[in-house]
Amino acid sequence: MFKRLFDRPDFSYEAWDVEHMDFPKGPEDADAWLLTGSRHGAYEDHPFIKPLEALIRDIHASGRRMTGICFGHQIIATALGGTVEKFKGGWAVGRQAYDIAPLGPIHLNAWHQDQVTTLPEGAEVLGGNAFCENAALVYGDSILTIQPHPELSNPIIADYISSRMGNPAYPLALMERAQEENTLPTDDKRFADLMVDFLTRGREAL
């Protein structure tokens, strides 16, 4: 999904399945890092969480650039001293409006209940909305993270909604609204371009 989203033939990719304890040797194994979404919470007690937090801190200390999406956004914040919690306001599902500098108002698909509620030292809020104030964070010249999912296109979100409709974990009115708005455009490419610019040029891209 991210290869399609970034659309950069000059990028090469290697993946590590950290959930199943497949880790790189260290920060030097890549020029830049992407931490993706997960079905797990950053605060949950799984064997891979602590080693992943240690890797994040090592990458940060190395100065290599890193970006995180949803769980990646949350686990980076946790590893660097922030707090992630299950948000009392409930779920964000489907198309959401955000104000993200320097892009201004944009729409992206989201699927989360957990949120970063306390910022780590050195993190700045790049954007958010009334429901998710800390939706986009930047850490100096090296880390850019976001809570929603620019890689999840409308057809993918439509499948998520269809497979979970009627599940009591998701309020029906919320799911119906997400389904109704699923045909409206999102700004995935605009944020993807910002991510690529940040990974290649750092803070000056903002």
N, C-alpha and C. Protein backbone atom coordinates (compact mmCIF):
# COMPACT_ATOMS: atom_id res chain seq x y z
N MET A 1 0.82 -1.21 0.00
CA MET A 1 0.00 0.00 0.00
C MET A 1 0.86 1.26 0.00
N PHE A 2 1.94 1.24 0.76
CA PHE A 2 2.78 2.43 0.83
C PHE A 2 3.62 2.61 -0.44
N LYS A 3 4.01 1.51 -1.06
CA LYS A 3 4.69 1.64 -2.35
C LYS A 3 3.79 2.35 -3.35
N ARG A 4 2.51 1.96 -3.40
CA ARG A 4 1.57 2.62 -4.31
C ARG A 4 1.34 4.07 -3.89
N LEU A 5 1.23 4.30 -2.60
CA LEU A 5 0.95 5.64 -2.09
C LEU A 5 2.09 6.60 -2.41
N PHE A 6 3.32 6.19 -2.13
CA PHE A 6 4.46 7.07 -2.35
C PHE A 6 4.78 7.24 -3.83
N ASP A 7 4.61 6.16 -4.61
CA ASP A 7 4.84 6.22 -6.06
C ASP A 7 6.21 6.79 -6.38
N ARG A 8 7.24 6.22 -5.74
CA ARG A 8 8.61 6.66 -5.95
C ARG A 8 9.46 5.48 -6.42
N PRO A 9 9.70 5.36 -7.73
CA PRO A 9 10.49 4.24 -8.24
C PRO A 9 11.93 4.25 -7.74
N ASP A 10 12.39 5.39 -7.23
CA ASP A 10 13.75 5.46 -6.72
C ASP A 10 13.85 4.97 -5.27
N PHE A 11 12.72 4.66 -4.64
CA PHE A 11 12.74 4.09 -3.29
C PHE A 11 12.81 2.58 -3.39
N SER A 12 13.57 1.96 -2.52
CA SER A 12 13.54 0.50 -2.35
C SER A 12 13.08 0.21 -0.92
N TYR A 13 12.51 -0.98 -0.73
CA TYR A 13 11.85 -1.29 0.53
C TYR A 13 12.32 -2.63 1.08
N GLU A 14 12.40 -2.69 2.40
CA GLU A 14 12.58 -3.95 3.11
C GLU A 14 11.65 -3.93 4.30
N ALA A 15 11.01 -5.06 4.58
CA ALA A 15 10.03 -5.12 5.66
C ALA A 15 10.49 -6.08 6.75
N TRP A 16 10.18 -5.72 8.00
CA TRP A 16 10.43 -6.57 9.15
C TRP A 16 9.10 -6.79 9.87
N ASP A 17 8.76 -8.03 10.12
CA ASP A 17 7.51 -8.39 10.80
C ASP A 17 7.77 -8.41 12.30
N VAL A 18 7.79 -7.22 12.90
CA VAL A 18 8.19 -7.12 14.31
C VAL A 18 7.19 -7.80 15.24
N GLU A 19 5.91 -7.87 14.83
CA GLU A 19 4.92 -8.54 15.67
C GLU A 19 5.34 -9.98 15.97
N HIS A 20 6.01 -10.61 14.99
CA HIS A 20 6.49 -11.98 15.16
C HIS A 20 8.00 -12.01 15.43
N MET A 21 8.48 -10.92 16.03
CA MET A 21 9.86 -10.80 16.53
C MET A 21 10.91 -10.84 15.44
N ASP A 22 10.54 -10.38 14.25
CA ASP A 22 11.51 -10.22 13.16
C ASP A 22 11.96 -8.76 13.16
N PHE A 23 13.17 -8.51 13.69
CA PHE A 23 13.68 -7.15 13.86
C PHE A 23 14.94 -6.93 13.02
N PRO A 24 15.17 -5.70 12.60
CA PRO A 24 16.46 -5.38 11.98
C PRO A 24 17.57 -5.41 13.01
N LYS A 25 18.80 -5.41 12.52
CA LYS A 25 19.94 -5.40 13.44
C LYS A 25 20.03 -4.07 14.17
N GLY A 26 19.61 -2.98 13.48
CA GLY A 26 19.68 -1.67 14.10
C GLY A 26 19.33 -0.58 13.11
N PRO A 27 19.43 0.68 13.52
CA PRO A 27 19.04 1.81 12.68
C PRO A 27 19.76 1.86 11.34
N GLU A 28 20.98 1.32 11.30
CA GLU A 28 21.79 1.38 10.08
C GLU A 28 21.26 0.47 8.97
N ASP A 29 20.26 -0.36 9.27
CA ASP A 29 19.72 -1.26 8.24
C ASP A 29 18.85 -0.56 7.22
N ALA A 30 18.53 0.70 7.44
CA ALA A 30 17.75 1.48 6.45
C ALA A 30 18.14 2.94 6.53
N ASP A 31 17.95 3.64 5.43
CA ASP A 31 18.22 5.08 5.40
C ASP A 31 17.10 5.87 6.07
N ALA A 32 15.88 5.33 6.00
CA ALA A 32 14.71 5.96 6.62
C ALA A 32 13.74 4.87 7.03
N TRP A 33 12.84 5.19 7.95
CA TRP A 33 12.00 4.17 8.56
C TRP A 33 10.53 4.54 8.51
N LEU A 34 9.68 3.53 8.30
CA LEU A 34 8.23 3.69 8.31
C LEU A 34 7.63 2.66 9.24
N LEU A 35 6.88 3.12 10.24
CA LEU A 35 6.16 2.22 11.14
C LEU A 35 4.68 2.31 10.81
N THR A 36 4.07 1.18 10.51
CA THR A 36 2.72 1.15 9.97
C THR A 36 1.68 0.91 11.07
N GLY A 37 0.44 0.71 10.63
CA GLY A 37 -0.64 0.40 11.55
C GLY A 37 -0.52 -1.01 12.10
N SER A 38 -1.36 -1.31 13.11
CA SER A 38 -1.37 -2.62 13.74
C SER A 38 -2.72 -2.83 14.41
N ARG A 39 -3.10 -4.10 14.58
CA ARG A 39 -4.32 -4.39 15.33
C ARG A 39 -4.09 -4.29 16.83
N HIS A 40 -2.84 -4.10 17.26
CA HIS A 40 -2.51 -4.02 18.68
C HIS A 40 -2.44 -2.58 19.16
N GLY A 41 -2.56 -2.41 20.47
CA GLY A 41 -2.40 -1.10 21.08
C GLY A 41 -0.97 -0.89 21.54
N ALA A 42 -0.51 0.35 21.46
CA ALA A 42 0.87 0.65 21.87
C ALA A 42 1.09 0.40 23.36
N TYR A 43 0.04 0.40 24.15
CA TYR A 43 0.13 0.21 25.61
C TYR A 43 -0.07 -1.25 26.01
N GLU A 44 -0.30 -2.14 25.06
CA GLU A 44 -0.57 -3.54 25.38
C GLU A 44 0.74 -4.29 25.67
N ASP A 45 0.61 -5.38 26.42
CA ASP A 45 1.77 -6.16 26.85
C ASP A 45 1.99 -7.32 25.89
N HIS A 46 2.74 -7.04 24.82
CA HIS A 46 3.11 -8.08 23.86
C HIS A 46 4.63 -8.17 23.81
N PRO A 47 5.19 -9.33 23.48
CA PRO A 47 6.65 -9.48 23.49
C PRO A 47 7.38 -8.50 22.59
N PHE A 48 6.74 -8.07 21.49
CA PHE A 48 7.45 -7.21 20.54
C PHE A 48 7.47 -5.74 20.92
N ILE A 49 6.63 -5.33 21.88
CA ILE A 49 6.47 -3.90 22.16
C ILE A 49 7.76 -3.27 22.70
N LYS A 50 8.34 -3.84 23.74
CA LYS A 50 9.54 -3.24 24.34
C LYS A 50 10.72 -3.22 23.37
N PRO A 51 11.00 -4.32 22.63
CA PRO A 51 12.08 -4.24 21.64
C PRO A 51 11.81 -3.20 20.55
N LEU A 52 10.54 -3.04 20.17
CA LEU A 52 10.22 -2.04 19.16
C LEU A 52 10.45 -0.64 19.71
N GLU A 53 10.06 -0.41 20.94
CA GLU A 53 10.31 0.90 21.55
C GLU A 53 11.81 1.19 21.61
N ALA A 54 12.60 0.17 21.93
CA ALA A 54 14.05 0.36 21.98
C ALA A 54 14.60 0.68 20.60
N LEU A 55 14.11 0.00 19.58
CA LEU A 55 14.54 0.29 18.21
C LEU A 55 14.18 1.72 17.82
N ILE A 56 12.99 2.16 18.17
CA ILE A 56 12.56 3.54 17.87
C ILE A 56 13.50 4.54 18.51
N ARG A 57 13.84 4.31 19.76
CA ARG A 57 14.76 5.23 20.45
C ARG A 57 16.14 5.22 19.79
N ASP A 58 16.58 4.05 19.35
CA ASP A 58 17.88 3.97 18.67
C ASP A 58 17.84 4.70 17.32
N ILE A 59 16.75 4.54 16.58
CA ILE A 59 16.62 5.24 15.30
C ILE A 59 16.62 6.75 15.54
N HIS A 60 15.86 7.17 16.53
CA HIS A 60 15.81 8.61 16.86
C HIS A 60 17.19 9.13 17.22
N ALA A 61 17.91 8.39 18.04
CA ALA A 61 19.26 8.81 18.45
C ALA A 61 20.22 8.85 17.27
N SER A 62 19.99 8.00 16.28
CA SER A 62 20.88 7.95 15.12
C SER A 62 20.69 9.13 14.17
N GLY A 63 19.55 9.82 14.29
CA GLY A 63 19.26 10.94 13.40
C GLY A 63 18.62 10.54 12.09
N ARG A 64 18.43 9.23 11.89
CA ARG A 64 17.74 8.80 10.66
C ARG A 64 16.27 9.21 10.73
N ARG A 65 15.71 9.47 9.57
CA ARG A 65 14.33 9.95 9.55
C ARG A 65 13.35 8.78 9.68
N MET A 66 12.21 9.09 10.29
CA MET A 66 11.24 8.06 10.60
C MET A 66 9.84 8.67 10.50
N THR A 67 8.90 7.88 10.01
CA THR A 67 7.51 8.31 9.98
C THR A 67 6.65 7.16 10.48
N GLY A 68 5.51 7.51 11.09
CA GLY A 68 4.63 6.50 11.66
C GLY A 68 3.18 6.79 11.33
N ILE A 69 2.42 5.72 11.09
CA ILE A 69 1.01 5.82 10.73
C ILE A 69 0.18 5.07 11.77
N CYS A 70 -0.81 5.72 12.35
CA CYS A 70 -1.75 5.12 13.31
C CYS A 70 -0.98 4.45 14.46
N PHE A 71 -0.89 3.12 14.51
CA PHE A 71 -0.10 2.47 15.55
C PHE A 71 1.33 3.00 15.55
N GLY A 72 1.90 3.22 14.36
CA GLY A 72 3.25 3.77 14.29
C GLY A 72 3.35 5.14 14.94
N HIS A 73 2.35 5.99 14.71
CA HIS A 73 2.25 7.30 15.35
C HIS A 73 2.22 7.14 16.87
N GLN A 74 1.45 6.15 17.34
CA GLN A 74 1.28 5.95 18.78
C GLN A 74 2.50 5.33 19.44
N ILE A 75 3.09 4.31 18.82
CA ILE A 75 4.21 3.61 19.45
C ILE A 75 5.46 4.50 19.48
N ILE A 76 5.62 5.36 18.48
CA ILE A 76 6.73 6.31 18.51
C ILE A 76 6.56 7.27 19.68
N ALA A 77 5.33 7.78 19.87
CA ALA A 77 5.07 8.67 21.00
C ALA A 77 5.33 7.96 22.33
N THR A 78 4.88 6.72 22.45
CA THR A 78 5.08 5.96 23.69
C THR A 78 6.56 5.72 23.95
N ALA A 79 7.29 5.32 22.91
CA ALA A 79 8.71 5.02 23.07
C ALA A 79 9.51 6.24 23.52
N LEU A 80 9.05 7.42 23.14
CA LEU A 80 9.79 8.65 23.45
C LEU A 80 9.23 9.38 24.65
N GLY A 81 8.33 8.74 25.40
CA GLY A 81 7.89 9.30 26.68
C GLY A 81 6.49 9.84 26.72
N GLY A 82 5.72 9.70 25.65
CA GLY A 82 4.35 10.17 25.63
C GLY A 82 3.38 9.13 26.17
N THR A 83 2.10 9.47 26.13
CA THR A 83 1.05 8.58 26.62
C THR A 83 0.03 8.32 25.52
N VAL A 84 -0.33 7.05 25.36
CA VAL A 84 -1.39 6.64 24.43
C VAL A 84 -2.48 5.96 25.25
N GLU A 85 -3.73 6.33 24.98
CA GLU A 85 -4.86 5.77 25.73
C GLU A 85 -6.02 5.48 24.79
N LYS A 86 -6.92 4.63 25.26
CA LYS A 86 -8.18 4.42 24.56
C LYS A 86 -9.04 5.65 24.81
N PHE A 87 -9.36 6.39 23.75
CA PHE A 87 -10.00 7.70 23.87
C PHE A 87 -11.44 7.56 24.36
N LYS A 88 -11.79 8.34 25.39
CA LYS A 88 -13.13 8.26 25.97
C LYS A 88 -14.21 8.71 24.99
N GLY A 89 -13.83 9.50 24.00
CA GLY A 89 -14.79 9.98 23.02
C GLY A 89 -15.16 8.96 21.97
N GLY A 90 -14.53 7.78 22.01
CA GLY A 90 -14.91 6.71 21.10
C GLY A 90 -14.04 6.61 19.85
N TRP A 91 -14.67 6.17 18.77
CA TRP A 91 -13.98 5.82 17.53
C TRP A 91 -14.00 6.97 16.51
N ALA A 92 -12.94 7.00 15.70
CA ALA A 92 -12.95 7.74 14.43
C ALA A 92 -12.95 6.69 13.33
N VAL A 93 -13.96 6.71 12.47
CA VAL A 93 -14.10 5.72 11.40
C VAL A 93 -14.38 6.43 10.08
N GLY A 94 -13.58 6.12 9.08
CA GLY A 94 -13.81 6.68 7.75
C GLY A 94 -13.25 8.08 7.58
N ARG A 95 -13.84 8.81 6.66
CA ARG A 95 -13.33 10.12 6.23
C ARG A 95 -13.44 11.16 7.35
N GLN A 96 -12.28 11.78 7.65
CA GLN A 96 -12.21 12.78 8.71
C GLN A 96 -11.54 14.04 8.16
N ALA A 97 -11.95 15.19 8.70
CA ALA A 97 -11.34 16.47 8.32
C ALA A 97 -10.26 16.85 9.32
N TYR A 98 -9.12 17.29 8.81
CA TYR A 98 -8.01 17.73 9.65
C TYR A 98 -7.47 19.06 9.12
N ASP A 99 -6.85 19.79 10.01
CA ASP A 99 -6.10 20.99 9.60
C ASP A 99 -4.64 20.68 9.91
N ILE A 100 -3.85 20.47 8.87
CA ILE A 100 -2.46 20.03 9.04
C ILE A 100 -1.53 21.00 8.32
N ALA A 101 -0.71 21.68 9.09
CA ALA A 101 0.30 22.56 8.50
C ALA A 101 1.34 21.68 7.81
N PRO A 102 1.86 22.07 6.65
CA PRO A 102 1.53 23.28 5.89
C PRO A 102 0.46 23.06 4.83
N LEU A 103 -0.30 21.99 4.92
CA LEU A 103 -1.27 21.65 3.88
C LEU A 103 -2.60 22.36 4.05
N GLY A 104 -2.92 22.80 5.27
CA GLY A 104 -4.22 23.40 5.53
C GLY A 104 -5.28 22.32 5.71
N PRO A 105 -6.55 22.62 5.39
CA PRO A 105 -7.63 21.64 5.57
C PRO A 105 -7.48 20.47 4.59
N ILE A 106 -7.50 19.26 5.12
CA ILE A 106 -7.45 18.07 4.28
C ILE A 106 -8.40 17.01 4.86
N HIS A 107 -8.70 16.00 4.06
CA HIS A 107 -9.52 14.87 4.50
C HIS A 107 -8.73 13.58 4.31
N LEU A 108 -8.73 12.74 5.35
CA LEU A 108 -8.06 11.45 5.30
C LEU A 108 -8.95 10.41 5.97
N ASN A 109 -8.79 9.16 5.58
CA ASN A 109 -9.51 8.07 6.24
C ASN A 109 -8.82 7.68 7.54
N ALA A 110 -9.64 7.39 8.54
CA ALA A 110 -9.12 6.98 9.85
C ALA A 110 -9.86 5.74 10.32
N TRP A 111 -9.21 5.02 11.24
CA TRP A 111 -9.86 3.89 11.89
C TRP A 111 -9.14 3.67 13.22
N HIS A 112 -9.61 4.33 14.27
CA HIS A 112 -8.91 4.21 15.56
C HIS A 112 -9.80 4.63 16.71
N GLN A 113 -9.47 4.08 17.87
CA GLN A 113 -10.01 4.57 19.14
C GLN A 113 -8.88 5.08 20.03
N ASP A 114 -7.72 4.46 19.94
CA ASP A 114 -6.56 4.92 20.70
C ASP A 114 -6.06 6.26 20.16
N GLN A 115 -5.54 7.07 21.08
CA GLN A 115 -4.97 8.36 20.68
C GLN A 115 -3.75 8.68 21.55
N VAL A 116 -2.86 9.51 21.01
CA VAL A 116 -1.79 10.11 21.79
C VAL A 116 -2.41 11.22 22.63
N THR A 117 -2.38 11.07 23.95
CA THR A 117 -3.02 12.05 24.83
C THR A 117 -2.03 12.96 25.54
N THR A 118 -0.79 12.49 25.71
CA THR A 118 0.28 13.33 26.29
C THR A 118 1.47 13.28 25.35
N LEU A 119 1.96 14.44 24.96
CA LEU A 119 3.06 14.50 23.99
C LEU A 119 4.39 14.16 24.65
N PRO A 120 5.27 13.46 23.92
CA PRO A 120 6.64 13.29 24.41
C PRO A 120 7.39 14.61 24.36
N GLU A 121 8.44 14.70 25.13
CA GLU A 121 9.31 15.87 25.06
C GLU A 121 9.87 16.00 23.64
N GLY A 122 9.80 17.20 23.09
CA GLY A 122 10.33 17.44 21.75
C GLY A 122 9.33 17.29 20.64
N ALA A 123 8.14 16.77 20.95
CA ALA A 123 7.10 16.62 19.92
C ALA A 123 6.30 17.90 19.77
N GLU A 124 5.99 18.27 18.54
CA GLU A 124 5.15 19.43 18.26
C GLU A 124 3.93 18.97 17.48
N VAL A 125 2.80 19.58 17.77
CA VAL A 125 1.57 19.25 17.05
C VAL A 125 1.58 19.95 15.70
N LEU A 126 1.52 19.14 14.64
CA LEU A 126 1.48 19.67 13.28
C LEU A 126 0.05 19.85 12.80
N GLY A 127 -0.88 19.11 13.41
CA GLY A 127 -2.26 19.24 13.00
C GLY A 127 -3.17 18.30 13.75
N GLY A 128 -4.49 18.53 13.59
CA GLY A 128 -5.48 17.69 14.23
C GLY A 128 -6.87 18.21 13.96
N ASN A 129 -7.80 17.80 14.80
CA ASN A 129 -9.17 18.30 14.74
C ASN A 129 -9.75 18.26 16.15
N ALA A 130 -11.03 18.59 16.30
CA ALA A 130 -11.63 18.65 17.63
C ALA A 130 -11.67 17.28 18.29
N PHE A 131 -11.80 16.22 17.50
CA PHE A 131 -11.86 14.87 18.05
C PHE A 131 -10.48 14.33 18.40
N CYS A 132 -9.50 14.62 17.56
CA CYS A 132 -8.14 14.10 17.74
C CYS A 132 -7.16 15.27 17.63
N GLU A 133 -6.87 15.89 18.75
CA GLU A 133 -6.04 17.11 18.75
C GLU A 133 -4.61 16.84 18.32
N ASN A 134 -4.09 15.67 18.66
CA ASN A 134 -2.69 15.34 18.36
C ASN A 134 -2.59 14.38 17.18
N ALA A 135 -3.28 14.73 16.10
CA ALA A 135 -3.37 13.81 14.96
C ALA A 135 -2.10 13.76 14.13
N ALA A 136 -1.32 14.82 14.11
CA ALA A 136 -0.06 14.83 13.36
C ALA A 136 1.01 15.49 14.22
N LEU A 137 2.14 14.80 14.35
CA LEU A 137 3.23 15.28 15.20
C LEU A 137 4.53 15.32 14.41
N VAL A 138 5.37 16.27 14.79
CA VAL A 138 6.71 16.33 14.21
C VAL A 138 7.71 16.47 15.36
N TYR A 139 8.84 15.77 15.22
CA TYR A 139 9.89 15.78 16.23
C TYR A 139 11.16 16.28 15.55
N GLY A 140 11.45 17.56 15.71
CA GLY A 140 12.66 18.11 15.14
C GLY A 140 12.76 17.89 13.65
N ASP A 141 13.94 17.45 13.22
CA ASP A 141 14.21 17.25 11.80
C ASP A 141 14.07 15.79 11.38
N SER A 142 13.63 14.91 12.32
CA SER A 142 13.78 13.49 12.01
C SER A 142 12.51 12.65 12.05
N ILE A 143 11.42 13.10 12.70
CA ILE A 143 10.24 12.24 12.83
C ILE A 143 8.97 13.00 12.46
N LEU A 144 8.14 12.38 11.63
CA LEU A 144 6.82 12.89 11.27
C LEU A 144 5.83 11.74 11.42
N THR A 145 4.77 11.93 12.21
CA THR A 145 3.79 10.86 12.41
C THR A 145 2.38 11.39 12.27
N ILE A 146 1.44 10.46 11.95
CA ILE A 146 0.05 10.86 11.76
C ILE A 146 -0.88 9.74 12.24
N GLN A 147 -2.00 10.14 12.84
CA GLN A 147 -2.97 9.17 13.35
C GLN A 147 -3.83 8.53 12.25
N PRO A 148 -4.38 9.28 11.29
CA PRO A 148 -5.18 8.64 10.25
C PRO A 148 -4.33 7.84 9.26
N HIS A 149 -5.00 7.28 8.23
CA HIS A 149 -4.38 6.32 7.32
C HIS A 149 -4.39 6.83 5.88
N PRO A 150 -3.40 7.57 5.43
CA PRO A 150 -3.38 7.98 4.02
C PRO A 150 -3.25 6.81 3.05
N GLU A 151 -2.80 5.65 3.55
CA GLU A 151 -2.63 4.49 2.66
C GLU A 151 -3.94 3.72 2.45
N LEU A 152 -4.96 4.02 3.25
CA LEU A 152 -6.23 3.29 3.14
C LEU A 152 -7.19 4.06 2.23
N SER A 153 -7.32 3.58 1.01
CA SER A 153 -8.19 4.21 0.03
C SER A 153 -9.66 3.97 0.39
N ASN A 154 -10.55 4.67 -0.28
CA ASN A 154 -11.98 4.48 -0.03
C ASN A 154 -12.45 3.04 -0.24
N PRO A 155 -12.01 2.34 -1.30
CA PRO A 155 -12.44 0.95 -1.43
C PRO A 155 -12.00 0.06 -0.26
N ILE A 156 -10.81 0.30 0.27
CA ILE A 156 -10.35 -0.49 1.42
C ILE A 156 -11.20 -0.18 2.64
N ILE A 157 -11.46 1.10 2.89
CA ILE A 157 -12.31 1.48 4.02
C ILE A 157 -13.72 0.92 3.85
N ALA A 158 -14.21 0.91 2.62
CA ALA A 158 -15.54 0.33 2.37
C ALA A 158 -15.58 -1.13 2.79
N ASP A 159 -14.51 -1.88 2.51
CA ASP A 159 -14.44 -3.27 2.94
C ASP A 159 -14.41 -3.38 4.46
N TYR A 160 -13.64 -2.49 5.11
CA TYR A 160 -13.60 -2.48 6.58
C TYR A 160 -15.00 -2.27 7.14
N ILE A 161 -15.71 -1.27 6.60
CA ILE A 161 -17.04 -0.94 7.10
C ILE A 161 -17.99 -2.12 6.90
N SER A 162 -17.97 -2.69 5.70
CA SER A 162 -18.86 -3.80 5.38
C SER A 162 -18.63 -5.00 6.31
N SER A 163 -17.37 -5.29 6.59
CA SER A 163 -17.06 -6.47 7.41
C SER A 163 -17.35 -6.25 8.89
N ARG A 164 -17.47 -5.00 9.30
CA ARG A 164 -17.67 -4.71 10.73
C ARG A 164 -19.04 -4.12 11.03
N MET A 165 -19.84 -3.86 10.01
CA MET A 165 -21.18 -3.33 10.22
C MET A 165 -21.99 -4.31 11.08
N GLY A 166 -22.61 -3.80 12.11
CA GLY A 166 -23.36 -4.65 13.03
C GLY A 166 -22.57 -5.13 14.22
N ASN A 167 -21.24 -4.93 14.20
CA ASN A 167 -20.42 -5.27 15.36
C ASN A 167 -20.72 -4.28 16.48
N PRO A 168 -21.11 -4.75 17.67
CA PRO A 168 -21.49 -3.82 18.73
C PRO A 168 -20.36 -2.92 19.22
N ALA A 169 -19.11 -3.24 18.85
CA ALA A 169 -17.99 -2.37 19.23
C ALA A 169 -18.05 -1.03 18.53
N TYR A 170 -18.76 -0.98 17.37
CA TYR A 170 -18.81 0.23 16.56
C TYR A 170 -20.24 0.77 16.55
N PRO A 171 -20.47 1.99 17.04
CA PRO A 171 -21.83 2.56 17.02
C PRO A 171 -22.40 2.58 15.60
N LEU A 172 -23.65 2.16 15.48
CA LEU A 172 -24.27 2.04 14.17
C LEU A 172 -24.30 3.38 13.43
N ALA A 173 -24.65 4.45 14.13
CA ALA A 173 -24.73 5.77 13.49
C ALA A 173 -23.37 6.19 12.93
N LEU A 174 -22.30 5.86 13.65
CA LEU A 174 -20.95 6.19 13.19
C LEU A 174 -20.61 5.41 11.92
N MET A 175 -20.96 4.15 11.89
CA MET A 175 -20.67 3.31 10.73
C MET A 175 -21.50 3.75 9.53
N GLU A 176 -22.74 4.10 9.76
CA GLU A 176 -23.59 4.55 8.65
C GLU A 176 -23.09 5.86 8.07
N ARG A 177 -22.64 6.77 8.92
CA ARG A 177 -22.09 8.03 8.41
C ARG A 177 -20.83 7.76 7.59
N ALA A 178 -19.96 6.89 8.09
CA ALA A 178 -18.73 6.55 7.35
C ALA A 178 -19.07 5.92 6.01
N GLN A 179 -20.09 5.09 5.97
CA GLN A 179 -20.50 4.46 4.73
C GLN A 179 -21.04 5.49 3.74
N GLU A 180 -21.82 6.44 4.21
CA GLU A 180 -22.39 7.48 3.36
C GLU A 180 -21.30 8.37 2.76
N GLU A 181 -20.28 8.66 3.54
CA GLU A 181 -19.23 9.57 3.09
C GLU A 181 -18.09 8.88 2.35
N ASN A 182 -18.20 7.58 2.18
CA ASN A 182 -17.10 6.80 1.60
C ASN A 182 -16.86 7.12 0.13
N THR A 183 -17.83 7.73 -0.53
CA THR A 183 -17.64 8.08 -1.94
C THR A 183 -16.98 9.44 -2.11
N LEU A 184 -16.84 10.20 -1.03
CA LEU A 184 -16.25 11.54 -1.11
C LEU A 184 -14.73 11.44 -1.21
N PRO A 185 -14.08 12.39 -1.85
CA PRO A 185 -12.63 12.30 -2.06
C PRO A 185 -11.83 12.52 -0.78
N THR A 186 -10.66 11.94 -0.74
CA THR A 186 -9.70 12.18 0.33
C THR A 186 -8.41 12.74 -0.26
N ASP A 187 -7.54 13.22 0.63
CA ASP A 187 -6.32 13.90 0.20
C ASP A 187 -5.08 13.05 0.48
N ASP A 188 -5.21 11.75 0.20
CA ASP A 188 -4.11 10.82 0.49
C ASP A 188 -2.81 11.25 -0.17
N LYS A 189 -2.88 11.60 -1.44
CA LYS A 189 -1.66 11.91 -2.19
C LYS A 189 -0.97 13.16 -1.66
N ARG A 190 -1.76 14.14 -1.24
CA ARG A 190 -1.15 15.36 -0.70
C ARG A 190 -0.34 15.07 0.55
N PHE A 191 -0.90 14.24 1.43
CA PHE A 191 -0.13 13.94 2.64
C PHE A 191 1.02 12.98 2.33
N ALA A 192 0.82 12.07 1.41
CA ALA A 192 1.90 11.17 1.01
C ALA A 192 3.09 11.96 0.48
N ASP A 193 2.82 12.97 -0.33
CA ASP A 193 3.90 13.80 -0.87
C ASP A 193 4.64 14.52 0.26
N LEU A 194 3.89 14.95 1.28
CA LEU A 194 4.53 15.60 2.42
C LEU A 194 5.42 14.61 3.17
N MET A 195 4.95 13.37 3.33
CA MET A 195 5.76 12.35 3.98
C MET A 195 7.05 12.08 3.22
N VAL A 196 6.94 11.96 1.91
CA VAL A 196 8.12 11.71 1.09
C VAL A 196 9.10 12.88 1.19
N ASP A 197 8.57 14.10 1.11
CA ASP A 197 9.44 15.27 1.22
C ASP A 197 10.13 15.29 2.57
N PHE A 198 9.41 14.93 3.63
CA PHE A 198 10.02 14.93 4.95
C PHE A 198 11.10 13.86 5.05
N LEU A 199 10.83 12.67 4.54
CA LEU A 199 11.82 11.60 4.61
C LEU A 199 13.08 11.93 3.83
N THR A 200 12.95 12.73 2.79
CA THR A 200 14.12 13.06 1.97
C THR A 200 14.77 14.39 2.34
N ARG A 201 13.99 15.34 2.89
CA ARG A 201 14.54 16.67 3.16
C ARG A 201 14.41 17.13 4.60
N GLY A 202 13.64 16.41 5.40
CA GLY A 202 13.50 16.77 6.79
C GLY A 202 12.61 17.97 7.03
N ARG A 203 12.89 18.69 8.09
CA ARG A 203 12.02 19.76 8.57
C ARG A 203 11.78 20.86 7.53
N GLU A 204 12.71 21.05 6.62
CA GLU A 204 12.53 22.11 5.61
C GLU A 204 11.35 21.81 4.71
N ALA A 205 10.89 20.54 4.65
CA ALA A 205 9.73 20.19 3.83
C ALA A 205 8.44 20.76 4.43
N LEU A 206 8.47 21.14 5.70
CA LEU A 206 7.28 21.63 6.37
C LEU A 206 7.22 23.15 6.33
